[in-house]
Amino acid sequence: MGDTAPPDAKVRFATAVNNLHLIGSPSVIVALHAFTDEIAESNRANMERDRHDELWSRLVWEIRNDLGDAPGDRANFSARLWASGTGTNVLPRP
């Protein structure tokens, strides 16, 4: 939600998503697809903050469940993303 990410952030995100496909269980991959479908630029006009947060929470719960550290009841679990506050959310290049 917000401004379009810089190209290098998009590349890092795509790499992380693709890597997760290599190690995630089927339930993680289903949650990942639901989340990435919601945040896709092609869905920008329909994106909803509550749906984003719901899908992000589900993805985090599924990943932690895969790691043997499910954070309690999935229906009541909530995770939130934090922005860096710098306005870009991109690490400076060395």
C-alpha atoms as a PDB file:
ATOM      1  CA  MET A   1       0.000   0.000   0.000  1.00  0.00           C
ATOM      2  CA  GLY A   2       1.576   3.234  -0.971  1.00  0.00           C
ATOM      3  CA  ASP A   3       3.933   4.371  -3.680  1.00  0.00           C
ATOM      4  CA  THR A   4       5.366   1.979  -6.211  1.00  0.00           C
ATOM      5  CA  ALA A   5       8.517   0.274  -4.968  1.00  0.00           C
ATOM      6  CA  PRO A   6      11.857   1.039  -6.630  1.00  0.00           C
ATOM      7  CA  PRO A   7      13.077  -1.567  -9.147  1.00  0.00           C
ATOM      8  CA  ASP A   8      15.795  -2.980  -6.860  1.00  0.00           C
ATOM      9  CA  ALA A   9      13.218  -3.552  -4.109  1.00  0.00           C
ATOM     10  CA  LYS A  10      11.001  -5.386  -6.590  1.00  0.00           C
ATOM     11  CA  VAL A  11      13.902  -7.627  -7.619  1.00  0.00           C
ATOM     12  CA  ARG A  12      14.690  -8.470  -3.973  1.00  0.00           C
ATOM     13  CA  PHE A  13      11.024  -9.190  -3.273  1.00  0.00           C
ATOM     14  CA  ALA A  14      10.703 -11.447  -6.339  1.00  0.00           C
ATOM     15  CA  THR A  15      13.840 -13.324  -5.280  1.00  0.00           C
ATOM     16  CA  ALA A  16      12.440 -13.857  -1.780  1.00  0.00           C
ATOM     17  CA  VAL A  17       9.101 -15.083  -3.182  1.00  0.00           C
ATOM     18  CA  ASN A  18      10.830 -17.452  -5.589  1.00  0.00           C
ATOM     19  CA  ASN A  19      13.110 -18.783  -2.844  1.00  0.00           C
ATOM     20  CA  LEU A  20      10.116 -19.429  -0.610  1.00  0.00           C
ATOM     21  CA  HIS A  21       8.703 -21.696  -3.323  1.00  0.00           C
ATOM     22  CA  LEU A  22      11.774 -23.893  -2.900  1.00  0.00           C
ATOM     23  CA  ILE A  23      11.320 -24.540   0.809  1.00  0.00           C
ATOM     24  CA  GLY A  24       7.697 -23.787   1.701  1.00  0.00           C
ATOM     25  CA  SER A  25       5.083 -26.435   2.340  1.00  0.00           C
ATOM     26  CA  PRO A  26       1.972 -26.493   0.156  1.00  0.00           C
ATOM     27  CA  SER A  27       0.092 -24.441   2.777  1.00  0.00           C
ATOM     28  CA  VAL A  28       2.826 -21.785   2.730  1.00  0.00           C
ATOM     29  CA  ILE A  29       2.731 -21.616  -1.060  1.00  0.00           C
ATOM     30  CA  VAL A  30      -1.071 -21.253  -1.103  1.00  0.00           C
ATOM     31  CA  ALA A  31      -0.823 -18.428   1.464  1.00  0.00           C
ATOM     32  CA  LEU A  32       2.040 -16.851  -0.501  1.00  0.00           C
ATOM     33  CA  HIS A  33       0.029 -16.875  -3.735  1.00  0.00           C
ATOM     34  CA  ALA A  34      -2.995 -15.322  -2.036  1.00  0.00           C
ATOM     35  CA  PHE A  35      -0.798 -12.557  -0.590  1.00  0.00           C
ATOM     36  CA  THR A  36       1.107 -11.832  -3.802  1.00  0.00           C
ATOM     37  CA  ASP A  37      -2.153 -11.797  -5.798  1.00  0.00           C
ATOM     38  CA  GLU A  38      -3.507  -9.164  -3.402  1.00  0.00           C
ATOM     39  CA  ILE A  39      -0.430  -6.920  -3.592  1.00  0.00           C
ATOM     40  CA  ALA A  40       0.157  -7.318  -7.328  1.00  0.00           C
ATOM     41  CA  GLU A  41       0.345  -4.062  -9.266  1.00  0.00           C
ATOM     42  CA  SER A  42      -2.411  -5.438 -11.504  1.00  0.00           C
ATOM     43  CA  ASN A  43      -4.669  -5.530  -8.410  1.00  0.00           C
ATOM     44  CA  ARG A  44      -3.720  -2.055  -7.186  1.00  0.00           C
ATOM     45  CA  ALA A  45      -7.201  -0.582  -7.774  1.00  0.00           C
ATOM     46  CA  ASN A  46      -8.838  -3.370  -5.731  1.00  0.00           C
ATOM     47  CA  MET A  47      -6.259  -3.676  -2.953  1.00  0.00           C
ATOM     48  CA  GLU A  48      -7.636  -3.353   0.562  1.00  0.00           C
ATOM     49  CA  ARG A  49      -5.563  -2.757   3.692  1.00  0.00           C
ATOM     50  CA  ASP A  50      -7.616  -5.169   5.804  1.00  0.00           C
ATOM     51  CA  ARG A  51      -7.339  -7.934   3.190  1.00  0.00           C
ATOM     52  CA  HIS A  52      -3.594  -7.254   2.869  1.00  0.00           C
ATOM     53  CA  ASP A  53      -3.141  -7.560   6.631  1.00  0.00           C
ATOM     54  CA  GLU A  54      -5.292 -10.702   6.799  1.00  0.00           C
ATOM     55  CA  LEU A  55      -3.316 -12.416   4.024  1.00  0.00           C
ATOM     56  CA  TRP A  56       0.040 -11.287   5.446  1.00  0.00           C
ATOM     57  CA  SER A  57      -0.934 -12.683   8.854  1.00  0.00           C
ATOM     58  CA  ARG A  58      -1.928 -15.984   7.262  1.00  0.00           C
ATOM     59  CA  LEU A  59       1.387 -16.212   5.394  1.00  0.00           C
ATOM     60  CA  VAL A  60       3.429 -15.454   8.513  1.00  0.00           C
ATOM     61  CA  TRP A  61       1.411 -18.003  10.516  1.00  0.00           C
ATOM     62  CA  GLU A  62       1.925 -20.706   7.853  1.00  0.00           C
ATOM     63  CA  ILE A  63       5.685 -20.051   7.668  1.00  0.00           C
ATOM     64  CA  ARG A  64       6.021 -20.200  11.451  1.00  0.00           C
ATOM     65  CA  ASN A  65       3.899 -23.357  11.508  1.00  0.00           C
ATOM     66  CA  ASP A  66       6.321 -24.905   8.985  1.00  0.00           C
ATOM     67  CA  LEU A  67       9.160 -24.032  11.350  1.00  0.00           C
ATOM     68  CA  GLY A  68       7.394 -25.778  14.242  1.00  0.00           C
ATOM     69  CA  ASP A  69       6.560 -22.492  15.983  1.00  0.00           C
ATOM     70  CA  ALA A  70       2.901 -21.858  15.184  1.00  0.00           C
ATOM     71  CA  PRO A  71       1.880 -18.741  17.111  1.00  0.00           C
ATOM     72  CA  GLY A  72      -1.328 -20.079  18.612  1.00  0.00           C
ATOM     73  CA  ASP A  73      -4.710 -20.120  16.923  1.00  0.00           C
ATOM     74  CA  ARG A  74      -4.424 -19.045  13.276  1.00  0.00           C
ATOM     75  CA  ALA A  75      -7.828 -17.337  13.322  1.00  0.00           C
ATOM     76  CA  ASN A  76      -6.695 -14.992  16.108  1.00  0.00           C
ATOM     77  CA  PHE A  77      -3.114 -14.378  14.946  1.00  0.00           C
ATOM     78  CA  SER A  78      -2.238 -10.962  13.536  1.00  0.00           C
ATOM     79  CA  ALA A  79       1.040  -9.830  11.990  1.00  0.00           C
ATOM     80  CA  ARG A  80       1.893  -6.369  10.722  1.00  0.00           C
ATOM     81  CA  LEU A  81       4.556  -4.994   8.406  1.00  0.00           C
ATOM     82  CA  TRP A  82       6.527  -1.905   9.382  1.00  0.00           C
ATOM     83  CA  ALA A  83       7.965   0.619   6.977  1.00  0.00           C
ATOM     84  CA  SER A  84      11.442   2.005   7.522  1.00  0.00           C
ATOM     85  CA  GLY A  85      10.184   5.575   7.819  1.00  0.00           C
ATOM     86  CA  THR A  86      12.783   6.788   5.311  1.00  0.00           C
ATOM     87  CA  GLY A  87      10.252   7.118   2.536  1.00  0.00           C
ATOM     88  CA  THR A  88      11.926   4.551   0.304  1.00  0.00           C
ATOM     89  CA  ASN A  89      12.196   1.260   2.256  1.00  0.00           C
ATOM     90  CA  VAL A  90      15.329   0.529   0.255  1.00  0.00           C
ATOM     91  CA  LEU A  91      18.761   0.072   1.759  1.00  0.00           C
ATOM     92  CA  PRO A  92      21.352   2.546   0.484  1.00  0.00           C
ATOM     93  CA  ARG A  93      23.871   1.130  -1.931  1.00  0.00           C
ATOM     94  CA  PRO A  94      27.417   0.824  -0.607  1.00  0.00           C
END
